[in-house]
Amino acid sequence: MGAPNPKAIHSSKAVGEPPFFLASSVFFAIKDAIMAARRELGNEDWFPLDSPATPERIRMACLDEFTMSFVSSDFCPKLSV
């Protein structure tokens, strides 16, 4: 703290942290929205949501009448390595 950085813009020390954390807030907002949609159907179980949260992953995680015919509430996708 208090270390001067004359080459930085307005003496800032970090540039990449705010955008990084802003992107993660969008991911967790999507996960909260999915949790609300699942709660409306009475399902409050844990569910995986891998990054990136593609439209397909979001849709399948919501578990509505349409997606229930494809996956069950205990669906857990295999992790890719």
PDB file of N, CA and C in Angstrom:
ATOM      1  N   MET A   1       0.830  -1.188   0.000  1.00  0.00           N
ATOM      2  CA  MET A   1       0.000   0.000   0.000  1.00  0.00           C
ATOM      3  C   MET A   1       0.870   1.245   0.000  1.00  0.00           C
ATOM      4  N   GLY A   2       0.436   2.245  -0.680  1.00  0.00           N
ATOM      5  CA  GLY A   2       1.142   3.501  -0.709  1.00  0.00           C
ATOM      6  C   GLY A   2       2.358   3.507  -1.614  1.00  0.00           C
ATOM      7  N   ALA A   3       2.593   2.436  -2.373  1.00  0.00           N
ATOM      8  CA  ALA A   3       3.743   2.387  -3.268  1.00  0.00           C
ATOM      9  C   ALA A   3       3.404   3.142  -4.542  1.00  0.00           C
ATOM     10  N   PRO A   4       4.152   4.178  -4.880  1.00  0.00           N
ATOM     11  CA  PRO A   4       3.838   4.959  -6.083  1.00  0.00           C
ATOM     12  C   PRO A   4       4.129   4.163  -7.352  1.00  0.00           C
ATOM     13  N   ASN A   5       3.319   4.364  -8.332  1.00  0.00           N
ATOM     14  CA  ASN A   5       3.492   3.738  -9.637  1.00  0.00           C
ATOM     15  C   ASN A   5       3.337   4.839 -10.681  1.00  0.00           C
ATOM     16  N   PRO A   6       4.394   5.587 -10.996  1.00  0.00           N
ATOM     17  CA  PRO A   6       4.273   6.741 -11.884  1.00  0.00           C
ATOM     18  C   PRO A   6       3.929   6.376 -13.329  1.00  0.00           C
ATOM     19  N   LYS A   7       4.110   5.125 -13.738  1.00  0.00           N
ATOM     20  CA  LYS A   7       3.824   4.740 -15.119  1.00  0.00           C
ATOM     21  C   LYS A   7       2.389   4.265 -15.317  1.00  0.00           C
ATOM     22  N   ALA A   8       1.651   4.120 -14.243  1.00  0.00           N
ATOM     23  CA  ALA A   8       0.277   3.626 -14.332  1.00  0.00           C
ATOM     24  C   ALA A   8      -0.697   4.779 -14.546  1.00  0.00           C
ATOM     25  N   ILE A   9      -1.850   4.456 -15.091  1.00  0.00           N
ATOM     26  CA  ILE A   9      -2.898   5.453 -15.291  1.00  0.00           C
ATOM     27  C   ILE A   9      -3.494   5.798 -13.930  1.00  0.00           C
ATOM     28  N   HIS A  10      -3.449   7.029 -13.553  1.00  0.00           N
ATOM     29  CA  HIS A  10      -3.960   7.503 -12.265  1.00  0.00           C
ATOM     30  C   HIS A  10      -3.405   6.683 -11.107  1.00  0.00           C
ATOM     31  N   SER A  11      -2.170   6.217 -11.221  1.00  0.00           N
ATOM     32  CA  SER A  11      -1.472   5.437 -10.189  1.00  0.00           C
ATOM     33  C   SER A  11      -2.177   4.121  -9.863  1.00  0.00           C
ATOM     34  N   SER A  12      -2.898   3.577 -10.811  1.00  0.00           N
ATOM     35  CA  SER A  12      -3.567   2.299 -10.558  1.00  0.00           C
ATOM     36  C   SER A  12      -2.543   1.168 -10.547  1.00  0.00           C
ATOM     37  N   LYS A  13      -2.835   0.115  -9.813  1.00  0.00           N
ATOM     38  CA  LYS A  13      -1.913  -1.011  -9.685  1.00  0.00           C
ATOM     39  C   LYS A  13      -2.366  -2.215 -10.524  1.00  0.00           C
ATOM     40  N   ALA A  14      -3.655  -2.339 -10.757  1.00  0.00           N
ATOM     41  CA  ALA A  14      -4.175  -3.500 -11.484  1.00  0.00           C
ATOM     42  C   ALA A  14      -5.172  -3.038 -12.545  1.00  0.00           C
ATOM     43  N   VAL A  15      -5.168  -3.728 -13.661  1.00  0.00           N
ATOM     44  CA  VAL A  15      -6.076  -3.370 -14.745  1.00  0.00           C
ATOM     45  C   VAL A  15      -7.020  -4.518 -15.075  1.00  0.00           C
ATOM     46  N   GLY A  16      -6.569  -5.759 -14.920  1.00  0.00           N
ATOM     47  CA  GLY A  16      -7.356  -6.906 -15.364  1.00  0.00           C
ATOM     48  C   GLY A  16      -8.360  -7.443 -14.377  1.00  0.00           C
ATOM     49  N   GLU A  17      -8.276  -7.076 -13.116  1.00  0.00           N
ATOM     50  CA  GLU A  17      -9.164  -7.666 -12.122  1.00  0.00           C
ATOM     51  C   GLU A  17     -10.637  -7.267 -12.286  1.00  0.00           C
ATOM     52  N   PRO A  18     -10.981  -5.985 -12.460  1.00  0.00           N
ATOM     53  CA  PRO A  18     -12.406  -5.642 -12.568  1.00  0.00           C
ATOM     54  C   PRO A  18     -13.135  -6.359 -13.705  1.00  0.00           C
ATOM     55  N   PRO A  19     -12.602  -6.422 -14.931  1.00  0.00           N
ATOM     56  CA  PRO A  19     -13.325  -7.156 -15.977  1.00  0.00           C
ATOM     57  C   PRO A  19     -13.447  -8.647 -15.679  1.00  0.00           C
ATOM     58  N   PHE A  20     -12.434  -9.212 -15.056  1.00  0.00           N
ATOM     59  CA  PHE A  20     -12.473 -10.638 -14.729  1.00  0.00           C
ATOM     60  C   PHE A  20     -13.605 -10.934 -13.757  1.00  0.00           C
ATOM     61  N   PHE A  21     -13.719 -10.138 -12.719  1.00  0.00           N
ATOM     62  CA  PHE A  21     -14.765 -10.383 -11.731  1.00  0.00           C
ATOM     63  C   PHE A  21     -16.135  -9.983 -12.238  1.00  0.00           C
ATOM     64  N   LEU A  22     -16.215  -9.018 -13.139  1.00  0.00           N
ATOM     65  CA  LEU A  22     -17.491  -8.657 -13.731  1.00  0.00           C
ATOM     66  C   LEU A  22     -18.037  -9.832 -14.546  1.00  0.00           C
ATOM     67  N   ALA A  23     -17.179 -10.499 -15.287  1.00  0.00           N
ATOM     68  CA  ALA A  23     -17.614 -11.662 -16.066  1.00  0.00           C
ATOM     69  C   ALA A  23     -18.104 -12.781 -15.159  1.00  0.00           C
ATOM     70  N   SER A  24     -17.449 -13.000 -14.038  1.00  0.00           N
ATOM     71  CA  SER A  24     -17.903 -14.057 -13.131  1.00  0.00           C
ATOM     72  C   SER A  24     -19.239 -13.695 -12.497  1.00  0.00           C
ATOM     73  N   SER A  25     -19.523 -12.403 -12.312  1.00  0.00           N
ATOM     74  CA  SER A  25     -20.817 -12.028 -11.747  1.00  0.00           C
ATOM     75  C   SER A  25     -21.951 -12.354 -12.713  1.00  0.00           C
ATOM     76  N   VAL A  26     -21.689 -12.247 -14.011  1.00  0.00           N
ATOM     77  CA  VAL A  26     -22.701 -12.624 -15.006  1.00  0.00           C
ATOM     78  C   VAL A  26     -22.969 -14.123 -14.937  1.00  0.00           C
ATOM     79  N   PHE A  27     -21.918 -14.925 -14.813  1.00  0.00           N
ATOM     80  CA  PHE A  27     -22.080 -16.376 -14.722  1.00  0.00           C
ATOM     81  C   PHE A  27     -22.939 -16.748 -13.510  1.00  0.00           C
ATOM     82  N   PHE A  28     -22.654 -16.147 -12.356  1.00  0.00           N
ATOM     83  CA  PHE A  28     -23.413 -16.491 -11.153  1.00  0.00           C
ATOM     84  C   PHE A  28     -24.826 -15.913 -11.180  1.00  0.00           C
ATOM     85  N   ALA A  29     -25.052 -14.825 -11.897  1.00  0.00           N
ATOM     86  CA  ALA A  29     -26.409 -14.321 -12.077  1.00  0.00           C
ATOM     87  C   ALA A  29     -27.225 -15.299 -12.914  1.00  0.00           C
ATOM     88  N   ILE A  30     -26.612 -15.883 -13.939  1.00  0.00           N
ATOM     89  CA  ILE A  30     -27.292 -16.909 -14.751  1.00  0.00           C
ATOM     90  C   ILE A  30     -27.622 -18.118 -13.882  1.00  0.00           C
ATOM     91  N   LYS A  31     -26.680 -18.530 -13.054  1.00  0.00           N
ATOM     92  CA  LYS A  31     -26.918 -19.689 -12.185  1.00  0.00           C
ATOM     93  C   LYS A  31     -28.051 -19.389 -11.196  1.00  0.00           C
ATOM     94  N   ASP A  32     -28.111 -18.179 -10.655  1.00  0.00           N
ATOM     95  CA  ASP A  32     -29.207 -17.809  -9.752  1.00  0.00           C
ATOM     96  C   ASP A  32     -30.553 -17.832 -10.477  1.00  0.00           C
ATOM     97  N   ALA A  33     -30.577 -17.383 -11.732  1.00  0.00           N
ATOM     98  CA  ALA A  33     -31.818 -17.408 -12.508  1.00  0.00           C
ATOM     99  C   ALA A  33     -32.268 -18.844 -12.766  1.00  0.00           C
ATOM    100  N   ILE A  34     -31.336 -19.732 -13.047  1.00  0.00           N
ATOM    101  CA  ILE A  34     -31.673 -21.147 -13.245  1.00  0.00           C
ATOM    102  C   ILE A  34     -32.211 -21.743 -11.952  1.00  0.00           C
ATOM    103  N   MET A  35     -31.591 -21.399 -10.821  1.00  0.00           N
ATOM    104  CA  MET A  35     -32.065 -21.901  -9.531  1.00  0.00           C
ATOM    105  C   MET A  35     -33.497 -21.445  -9.266  1.00  0.00           C
ATOM    106  N   ALA A  36     -33.821 -20.208  -9.616  1.00  0.00           N
ATOM    107  CA  ALA A  36     -35.182 -19.699  -9.433  1.00  0.00           C
ATOM    108  C   ALA A  36     -36.172 -20.449 -10.322  1.00  0.00           C
ATOM    109  N   ALA A  37     -35.790 -20.730 -11.561  1.00  0.00           N
ATOM    110  CA  ALA A  37     -36.666 -21.469 -12.474  1.00  0.00           C
ATOM    111  C   ALA A  37     -36.896 -22.892 -11.964  1.00  0.00           C
ATOM    112  N   ARG A  38     -35.855 -23.522 -11.449  1.00  0.00           N
ATOM    113  CA  ARG A  38     -35.991 -24.882 -10.913  1.00  0.00           C
ATOM    114  C   ARG A  38     -36.827 -24.888  -9.642  1.00  0.00           C
ATOM    115  N   ARG A  39     -36.666 -23.849  -8.815  1.00  0.00           N
ATOM    116  CA  ARG A  39     -37.426 -23.755  -7.568  1.00  0.00           C
ATOM    117  C   ARG A  39     -38.919 -23.636  -7.840  1.00  0.00           C
ATOM    118  N   GLU A  40     -39.292 -22.947  -8.932  1.00  0.00           N
ATOM    119  CA  GLU A  40     -40.704 -22.820  -9.295  1.00  0.00           C
ATOM    120  C   GLU A  40     -41.335 -24.174  -9.575  1.00  0.00           C
ATOM    121  N   LEU A  41     -40.532 -25.139 -10.015  1.00  0.00           N
ATOM    122  CA  LEU A  41     -41.024 -26.490 -10.289  1.00  0.00           C
ATOM    123  C   LEU A  41     -40.835 -27.421  -9.099  1.00  0.00           C
ATOM    124  N   GLY A  42     -40.371 -26.885  -7.986  1.00  0.00           N
ATOM    125  CA  GLY A  42     -40.209 -27.690  -6.784  1.00  0.00           C
ATOM    126  C   GLY A  42     -38.908 -28.453  -6.703  1.00  0.00           C
ATOM    127  N   ASN A  43     -37.944 -28.115  -7.536  1.00  0.00           N
ATOM    128  CA  ASN A  43     -36.660 -28.802  -7.521  1.00  0.00           C
ATOM    129  C   ASN A  43     -35.604 -27.861  -6.954  1.00  0.00           C
ATOM    130  N   GLU A  44     -35.113 -28.181  -5.762  1.00  0.00           N
ATOM    131  CA  GLU A  44     -34.091 -27.355  -5.133  1.00  0.00           C
ATOM    132  C   GLU A  44     -32.774 -28.100  -4.983  1.00  0.00           C
ATOM    133  N   ASP A  45     -32.578 -29.149  -5.786  1.00  0.00           N
ATOM    134  CA  ASP A  45     -31.350 -29.931  -5.731  1.00  0.00           C
ATOM    135  C   ASP A  45     -30.195 -29.165  -6.366  1.00  0.00           C
ATOM    136  N   TRP A  46     -28.978 -29.566  -5.986  1.00  0.00           N
ATOM    137  CA  TRP A  46     -27.777 -29.019  -6.598  1.00  0.00           C
ATOM    138  C   TRP A  46     -27.720 -29.438  -8.056  1.00  0.00           C
ATOM    139  N   PHE A  47     -27.174 -28.588  -8.910  1.00  0.00           N
ATOM    140  CA  PHE A  47     -27.001 -28.929 -10.318  1.00  0.00           C
ATOM    141  C   PHE A  47     -25.684 -28.348 -10.812  1.00  0.00           C
ATOM    142  N   PRO A  48     -25.037 -29.044 -11.742  1.00  0.00           N
ATOM    143  CA  PRO A  48     -23.787 -28.509 -12.295  1.00  0.00           C
ATOM    144  C   PRO A  48     -24.074 -27.521 -13.421  1.00  0.00           C
ATOM    145  N   LEU A  49     -23.255 -26.510 -13.505  1.00  0.00           N
ATOM    146  CA  LEU A  49     -23.299 -25.591 -14.638  1.00  0.00           C
ATOM    147  C   LEU A  49     -21.863 -25.243 -14.977  1.00  0.00           C
ATOM    148  N   ASP A  50     -21.373 -25.857 -16.037  1.00  0.00           N
ATOM    149  CA  ASP A  50     -19.989 -25.634 -16.444  1.00  0.00           C
ATOM    150  C   ASP A  50     -19.871 -24.341 -17.239  1.00  0.00           C
ATOM    151  N   SER A  51     -18.691 -23.774 -17.190  1.00  0.00           N
ATOM    152  CA  SER A  51     -18.393 -22.573 -17.951  1.00  0.00           C
ATOM    153  C   SER A  51     -17.750 -22.972 -19.273  1.00  0.00           C
ATOM    154  N   PRO A  52     -18.127 -22.397 -20.370  1.00  0.00           N
ATOM    155  CA  PRO A  52     -19.036 -21.285 -20.537  1.00  0.00           C
ATOM    156  C   PRO A  52     -20.495 -21.726 -20.441  1.00  0.00           C
ATOM    157  N   ALA A  53     -21.325 -20.836 -19.948  1.00  0.00           N
ATOM    158  CA  ALA A  53     -22.758 -21.122 -19.809  1.00  0.00           C
ATOM    159  C   ALA A  53     -23.422 -20.860 -21.166  1.00  0.00           C
ATOM    160  N   THR A  54     -23.401 -21.868 -22.014  1.00  0.00           N
ATOM    161  CA  THR A  54     -23.981 -21.728 -23.347  1.00  0.00           C
ATOM    162  C   THR A  54     -25.506 -21.771 -23.252  1.00  0.00           C
ATOM    163  N   PRO A  55     -26.215 -21.286 -24.263  1.00  0.00           N
ATOM    164  CA  PRO A  55     -27.679 -21.353 -24.235  1.00  0.00           C
ATOM    165  C   PRO A  55     -28.193 -22.784 -24.056  1.00  0.00           C
ATOM    166  N   GLU A  56     -27.497 -23.752 -24.634  1.00  0.00           N
ATOM    167  CA  GLU A  56     -27.923 -25.138 -24.502  1.00  0.00           C
ATOM    168  C   GLU A  56     -27.798 -25.617 -23.059  1.00  0.00           C
ATOM    169  N   ARG A  57     -26.683 -25.290 -22.404  1.00  0.00           N
ATOM    170  CA  ARG A  57     -26.491 -25.702 -21.011  1.00  0.00           C
ATOM    171  C   ARG A  57     -27.492 -25.024 -20.088  1.00  0.00           C
ATOM    172  N   ILE A  58     -27.769 -23.755 -20.355  1.00  0.00           N
ATOM    173  CA  ILE A  58     -28.739 -23.031 -19.539  1.00  0.00           C
ATOM    174  C   ILE A  58     -30.119 -23.649 -19.700  1.00  0.00           C
ATOM    175  N   ARG A  59     -30.496 -23.925 -20.936  1.00  0.00           N
ATOM    176  CA  ARG A  59     -31.825 -24.496 -21.212  1.00  0.00           C
ATOM    177  C   ARG A  59     -31.992 -25.852 -20.554  1.00  0.00           C
ATOM    178  N   MET A  60     -30.979 -26.708 -20.661  1.00  0.00           N
ATOM    179  CA  MET A  60     -31.080 -28.049 -20.080  1.00  0.00           C
ATOM    180  C   MET A  60     -31.051 -28.018 -18.550  1.00  0.00           C
ATOM    181  N   ALA A  61     -30.439 -27.003 -17.963  1.00  0.00           N
ATOM    182  CA  ALA A  61     -30.377 -26.912 -16.507  1.00  0.00           C
ATOM    183  C   ALA A  61     -31.680 -26.410 -15.902  1.00  0.00           C
ATOM    184  N   CYS A  62     -32.531 -25.777 -16.700  1.00  0.00           N
ATOM    185  CA  CYS A  62     -33.771 -25.218 -16.155  1.00  0.00           C
ATOM    186  C   CYS A  62     -34.791 -26.284 -15.756  1.00  0.00           C
ATOM    187  N   LEU A  63     -34.775 -27.424 -16.378  1.00  0.00           N
ATOM    188  CA  LEU A  63     -35.682 -28.538 -16.066  1.00  0.00           C
ATOM    189  C   LEU A  63     -37.153 -28.134 -16.117  1.00  0.00           C
ATOM    190  N   ASP A  64     -37.642 -27.827 -17.294  1.00  0.00           N
ATOM    191  CA  ASP A  64     -39.069 -27.581 -17.459  1.00  0.00           C
ATOM    192  C   ASP A  64     -39.713 -28.799 -18.123  1.00  0.00           C
ATOM    193  N   GLU A  65     -40.951 -28.649 -18.560  1.00  0.00           N
ATOM    194  CA  GLU A  65     -41.665 -29.795 -19.141  1.00  0.00           C
ATOM    195  C   GLU A  65     -40.957 -30.353 -20.371  1.00  0.00           C
ATOM    196  N   PHE A  66     -40.346 -29.485 -21.154  1.00  0.00           N
ATOM    197  CA  PHE A  66     -39.682 -29.927 -22.376  1.00  0.00           C
ATOM    198  C   PHE A  66     -38.373 -30.655 -22.078  1.00  0.00           C
ATOM    199  N   THR A  67     -37.539 -30.085 -21.238  1.00  0.00           N
ATOM    200  CA  THR A  67     -36.226 -30.681 -20.983  1.00  0.00           C
ATOM    201  C   THR A  67     -36.303 -31.920 -20.103  1.00  0.00           C
ATOM    202  N   MET A  68     -37.369 -32.068 -19.310  1.00  0.00           N
ATOM    203  CA  MET A  68     -37.497 -33.249 -18.445  1.00  0.00           C
ATOM    204  C   MET A  68     -37.569 -34.542 -19.258  1.00  0.00           C
ATOM    205  N   SER A  69     -38.007 -34.458 -20.504  1.00  0.00           N
ATOM    206  CA  SER A  69     -38.065 -35.674 -21.323  1.00  0.00           C
ATOM    207  C   SER A  69     -36.677 -36.109 -21.790  1.00  0.00           C
ATOM    208  N   PHE A  70     -35.690 -35.218 -21.675  1.00  0.00           N
ATOM    209  CA  PHE A  70     -34.334 -35.540 -22.099  1.00  0.00           C
ATOM    210  C   PHE A  70     -33.398 -35.852 -20.940  1.00  0.00           C
ATOM    211  N   VAL A  71     -33.557 -35.162 -19.836  1.00  0.00           N
ATOM    212  CA  VAL A  71     -32.692 -35.384 -18.675  1.00  0.00           C
ATOM    213  C   VAL A  71     -33.541 -35.474 -17.430  1.00  0.00           C
ATOM    214  N   SER A  72     -33.037 -36.176 -16.421  1.00  0.00           N
ATOM    215  CA  SER A  72     -33.735 -36.257 -15.138  1.00  0.00           C
ATOM    216  C   SER A  72     -33.166 -35.216 -14.185  1.00  0.00           C
ATOM    217  N   SER A  73     -33.788 -35.085 -13.022  1.00  0.00           N
ATOM    218  CA  SER A  73     -33.344 -34.071 -12.066  1.00  0.00           C
ATOM    219  C   SER A  73     -31.974 -34.383 -11.476  1.00  0.00           C
ATOM    220  N   ASP A  74     -31.548 -35.639 -11.553  1.00  0.00           N
ATOM    221  CA  ASP A  74     -30.232 -36.000 -11.006  1.00  0.00           C
ATOM    222  C   ASP A  74     -29.162 -36.066 -12.108  1.00  0.00           C
ATOM    223  N   PHE A  75     -29.436 -35.416 -13.250  1.00  0.00           N
ATOM    224  CA  PHE A  75     -28.498 -35.414 -14.375  1.00  0.00           C
ATOM    225  C   PHE A  75     -27.193 -34.723 -13.968  1.00  0.00           C
ATOM    226  N   CYS A  76     -26.084 -35.359 -14.246  1.00  0.00           N
ATOM    227  CA  CYS A  76     -24.768 -34.793 -13.978  1.00  0.00           C
ATOM    228  C   CYS A  76     -23.879 -35.105 -15.169  1.00  0.00           C
ATOM    229  N   PRO A  77     -23.564 -34.106 -15.986  1.00  0.00           N
ATOM    230  CA  PRO A  77     -22.764 -34.371 -17.182  1.00  0.00           C
ATOM    231  C   PRO A  77     -21.352 -34.797 -16.817  1.00  0.00           C
ATOM    232  N   LYS A  78     -20.762 -35.587 -17.698  1.00  0.00           N
ATOM    233  CA  LYS A  78     -19.365 -36.002 -17.492  1.00  0.00           C
ATOM    234  C   LYS A  78     -18.446 -34.798 -17.695  1.00  0.00           C
ATOM    235  N   LEU A  79     -17.475 -34.694 -16.842  1.00  0.00           N
ATOM    236  CA  LEU A  79     -16.517 -33.605 -16.966  1.00  0.00           C
ATOM    237  C   LEU A  79     -15.529 -33.916 -18.079  1.00  0.00           C
ATOM    238  N   SER A  80     -15.250 -32.949 -18.909  1.00  0.00           N
ATOM    239  CA  SER A  80     -14.262 -33.158 -19.959  1.00  0.00           C
ATOM    240  C   SER A  80     -12.887 -32.811 -19.429  1.00  0.00           C
ATOM    241  N   VAL A  81     -11.907 -33.587 -19.824  1.00  0.00           N
ATOM    242  CA  VAL A  81     -10.551 -33.363 -19.326  1.00  0.00           C
ATOM    243  C   VAL A  81      -9.665 -32.906 -20.477  1.00  0.00           C
TER     244      VAL A  81
END
